[in-house]
Amino acid sequence: MNTVFTQELTRFNGLIKLIRQSCVDLKRAIKGEVLLSADLEAALNSLKDGRVPAMWLKKSFPSLKSLGGY
């Protein structure tokens, strides 16, 4: 059971790191400090529509929840 728990925590920590980094990158792109890549633009559009960005869903568990429930 400890092995499964460790694997789950590793997966969640990777997801949290991705979410945090993409939010930081989006903030910097909005300020004009970095270029807005295609992935970041798709994430920004998803966030504006209240959907979970595809780049986050690649690393997370399958979910049909909207952004608020995610």
N, C-alpha and C. Protein backbone atom coordinates (compact mmCIF):
# COMPACT_ATOMS: atom_id res chain seq x y z
N MET A 1 0.82 -1.18 0.00
CA MET A 1 0.00 0.00 0.00
C MET A 1 0.87 1.26 0.00
N ASN A 2 2.00 1.20 0.64
CA ASN A 2 2.89 2.34 0.71
C ASN A 2 3.40 2.72 -0.68
N THR A 3 3.64 1.72 -1.52
CA THR A 3 4.12 1.98 -2.87
C THR A 3 3.07 2.73 -3.69
N VAL A 4 1.82 2.31 -3.58
CA VAL A 4 0.74 2.97 -4.32
C VAL A 4 0.58 4.40 -3.83
N PHE A 5 0.63 4.60 -2.52
CA PHE A 5 0.51 5.94 -1.94
C PHE A 5 1.64 6.84 -2.43
N THR A 6 2.84 6.33 -2.48
CA THR A 6 3.98 7.10 -2.96
C THR A 6 3.81 7.47 -4.43
N GLN A 7 3.32 6.53 -5.23
CA GLN A 7 3.09 6.80 -6.65
C GLN A 7 2.02 7.87 -6.85
N GLU A 8 0.95 7.80 -6.06
CA GLU A 8 -0.12 8.79 -6.15
C GLU A 8 0.39 10.18 -5.75
N LEU A 9 1.15 10.25 -4.68
CA LEU A 9 1.70 11.53 -4.25
C LEU A 9 2.65 12.11 -5.28
N THR A 10 3.46 11.27 -5.90
CA THR A 10 4.38 11.72 -6.94
C THR A 10 3.60 12.30 -8.12
N ARG A 11 2.52 11.62 -8.48
CA ARG A 11 1.70 12.10 -9.59
C ARG A 11 1.02 13.43 -9.26
N PHE A 12 0.47 13.55 -8.06
CA PHE A 12 -0.18 14.79 -7.65
C PHE A 12 0.83 15.93 -7.53
N ASN A 13 2.00 15.65 -7.00
CA ASN A 13 3.02 16.69 -6.88
C ASN A 13 3.45 17.19 -8.26
N GLY A 14 3.56 16.29 -9.22
CA GLY A 14 3.88 16.69 -10.59
C GLY A 14 2.79 17.56 -11.19
N LEU A 15 1.54 17.21 -10.92
CA LEU A 15 0.40 18.00 -11.41
C LEU A 15 0.39 19.38 -10.78
N ILE A 16 0.60 19.45 -9.48
CA ILE A 16 0.62 20.74 -8.79
C ILE A 16 1.76 21.61 -9.32
N LYS A 17 2.90 21.00 -9.57
CA LYS A 17 4.04 21.75 -10.11
C LYS A 17 3.71 22.30 -11.49
N LEU A 18 3.06 21.50 -12.33
CA LEU A 18 2.67 21.94 -13.67
C LEU A 18 1.66 23.07 -13.60
N ILE A 19 0.66 22.96 -12.74
CA ILE A 19 -0.36 24.00 -12.60
C ILE A 19 0.28 25.30 -12.12
N ARG A 20 1.12 25.20 -11.11
CA ARG A 20 1.77 26.39 -10.57
C ARG A 20 2.65 27.07 -11.62
N GLN A 21 3.44 26.28 -12.34
CA GLN A 21 4.35 26.85 -13.34
C GLN A 21 3.59 27.46 -14.50
N SER A 22 2.51 26.81 -14.93
CA SER A 22 1.74 27.37 -16.04
C SER A 22 1.05 28.67 -15.63
N CYS A 23 0.60 28.76 -14.38
CA CYS A 23 -0.01 30.01 -13.91
C CYS A 23 1.02 31.13 -13.84
N VAL A 24 2.22 30.80 -13.37
CA VAL A 24 3.30 31.80 -13.33
C VAL A 24 3.65 32.25 -14.74
N ASP A 25 3.75 31.30 -15.66
CA ASP A 25 4.08 31.63 -17.05
C ASP A 25 2.98 32.48 -17.69
N LEU A 26 1.72 32.16 -17.40
CA LEU A 26 0.62 32.95 -17.93
C LEU A 26 0.66 34.38 -17.39
N LYS A 27 0.94 34.51 -16.12
CA LYS A 27 1.04 35.83 -15.51
C LYS A 27 2.15 36.65 -16.17
N ARG A 28 3.30 36.00 -16.39
CA ARG A 28 4.42 36.69 -17.02
C ARG A 28 4.11 37.03 -18.49
N ALA A 29 3.38 36.16 -19.17
CA ALA A 29 3.01 36.42 -20.56
C ALA A 29 2.03 37.57 -20.66
N ILE A 30 1.12 37.66 -19.72
CA ILE A 30 0.16 38.77 -19.73
C ILE A 30 0.87 40.09 -19.47
N LYS A 31 1.89 40.06 -18.62
CA LYS A 31 2.67 41.27 -18.36
C LYS A 31 3.58 41.63 -19.54
N GLY A 32 3.82 40.66 -20.43
CA GLY A 32 4.68 40.90 -21.58
C GLY A 32 6.13 40.56 -21.35
N GLU A 33 6.42 39.83 -20.28
CA GLU A 33 7.79 39.46 -19.96
C GLU A 33 8.28 38.26 -20.77
N VAL A 34 7.36 37.38 -21.17
CA VAL A 34 7.71 36.21 -21.98
C VAL A 34 6.71 36.10 -23.12
N LEU A 35 7.06 35.30 -24.12
CA LEU A 35 6.16 35.09 -25.24
C LEU A 35 5.05 34.10 -24.86
N LEU A 36 3.89 34.31 -25.43
CA LEU A 36 2.75 33.44 -25.18
C LEU A 36 2.81 32.28 -26.18
N SER A 37 3.17 31.10 -25.70
CA SER A 37 3.26 29.93 -26.58
C SER A 37 1.86 29.42 -26.92
N ALA A 38 1.80 28.49 -27.83
CA ALA A 38 0.51 27.92 -28.24
C ALA A 38 -0.15 27.18 -27.08
N ASP A 39 0.65 26.47 -26.29
CA ASP A 39 0.10 25.75 -25.12
C ASP A 39 -0.45 26.73 -24.09
N LEU A 40 0.29 27.80 -23.84
CA LEU A 40 -0.18 28.78 -22.86
C LEU A 40 -1.43 29.50 -23.36
N GLU A 41 -1.48 29.77 -24.66
CA GLU A 41 -2.67 30.42 -25.21
C GLU A 41 -3.89 29.52 -25.09
N ALA A 42 -3.71 28.23 -25.35
CA ALA A 42 -4.82 27.28 -25.21
C ALA A 42 -5.24 27.18 -23.75
N ALA A 43 -4.27 27.20 -22.84
CA ALA A 43 -4.59 27.16 -21.41
C ALA A 43 -5.35 28.42 -20.99
N LEU A 44 -4.91 29.56 -21.49
CA LEU A 44 -5.57 30.83 -21.17
C LEU A 44 -7.02 30.83 -21.66
N ASN A 45 -7.23 30.36 -22.87
CA ASN A 45 -8.58 30.30 -23.42
C ASN A 45 -9.46 29.33 -22.63
N SER A 46 -8.89 28.22 -22.21
CA SER A 46 -9.65 27.26 -21.41
C SER A 46 -10.02 27.86 -20.06
N LEU A 47 -9.09 28.56 -19.44
CA LEU A 47 -9.36 29.17 -18.14
C LEU A 47 -10.43 30.26 -18.27
N LYS A 48 -10.39 31.02 -19.36
CA LYS A 48 -11.41 32.05 -19.57
C LYS A 48 -12.79 31.43 -19.75
N ASP A 49 -12.84 30.24 -20.35
CA ASP A 49 -14.12 29.55 -20.57
C ASP A 49 -14.56 28.71 -19.38
N GLY A 50 -13.73 28.65 -18.35
CA GLY A 50 -14.09 27.87 -17.16
C GLY A 50 -13.85 26.38 -17.32
N ARG A 51 -12.97 26.02 -18.25
CA ARG A 51 -12.63 24.61 -18.46
C ARG A 51 -11.22 24.34 -17.96
N VAL A 52 -10.94 23.08 -17.68
CA VAL A 52 -9.61 22.67 -17.26
C VAL A 52 -8.73 22.60 -18.51
N PRO A 53 -7.57 23.27 -18.50
CA PRO A 53 -6.69 23.24 -19.68
C PRO A 53 -6.22 21.82 -20.01
N ALA A 54 -6.06 21.57 -21.29
CA ALA A 54 -5.66 20.24 -21.76
C ALA A 54 -4.28 19.85 -21.22
N MET A 55 -3.39 20.84 -21.07
CA MET A 55 -2.05 20.53 -20.57
C MET A 55 -2.11 20.02 -19.13
N TRP A 56 -3.12 20.42 -18.37
CA TRP A 56 -3.29 19.92 -17.01
C TRP A 56 -3.90 18.53 -17.03
N LEU A 57 -4.84 18.32 -17.96
CA LEU A 57 -5.52 17.02 -18.02
C LEU A 57 -4.58 15.90 -18.44
N LYS A 58 -3.52 16.24 -19.18
CA LYS A 58 -2.55 15.22 -19.58
C LYS A 58 -1.86 14.61 -18.37
N LYS A 59 -1.66 15.40 -17.32
CA LYS A 59 -0.94 14.93 -16.13
C LYS A 59 -1.87 14.51 -15.00
N SER A 60 -3.18 14.75 -15.13
CA SER A 60 -4.08 14.48 -14.02
C SER A 60 -4.90 13.22 -14.28
N PHE A 61 -5.72 12.91 -13.30
CA PHE A 61 -6.64 11.80 -13.43
C PHE A 61 -7.79 12.22 -14.34
N PRO A 62 -8.41 11.28 -15.04
CA PRO A 62 -9.55 11.63 -15.90
C PRO A 62 -10.67 12.26 -15.07
N SER A 63 -11.19 13.38 -15.56
CA SER A 63 -12.22 14.09 -14.84
C SER A 63 -13.10 14.83 -15.83
N LEU A 64 -14.40 14.83 -15.55
CA LEU A 64 -15.35 15.57 -16.37
C LEU A 64 -15.80 16.85 -15.67
N LYS A 65 -15.17 17.16 -14.55
CA LYS A 65 -15.57 18.34 -13.78
C LYS A 65 -15.13 19.61 -14.49
N SER A 66 -15.86 20.68 -14.21
CA SER A 66 -15.47 21.99 -14.74
C SER A 66 -14.30 22.52 -13.91
N LEU A 67 -13.83 23.67 -14.25
CA LEU A 67 -12.67 24.23 -13.58
C LEU A 67 -12.92 24.46 -12.09
N GLY A 68 -14.09 24.93 -11.74
CA GLY A 68 -14.40 25.18 -10.33
C GLY A 68 -14.39 23.92 -9.47
N GLY A 69 -14.86 22.82 -10.01
CA GLY A 69 -14.88 21.56 -9.28
C GLY A 69 -13.58 20.81 -9.33
N TYR A 70 -12.76 21.18 -10.27
CA TYR A 70 -11.48 20.51 -10.45
C TYR A 70 -10.55 20.88 -9.32
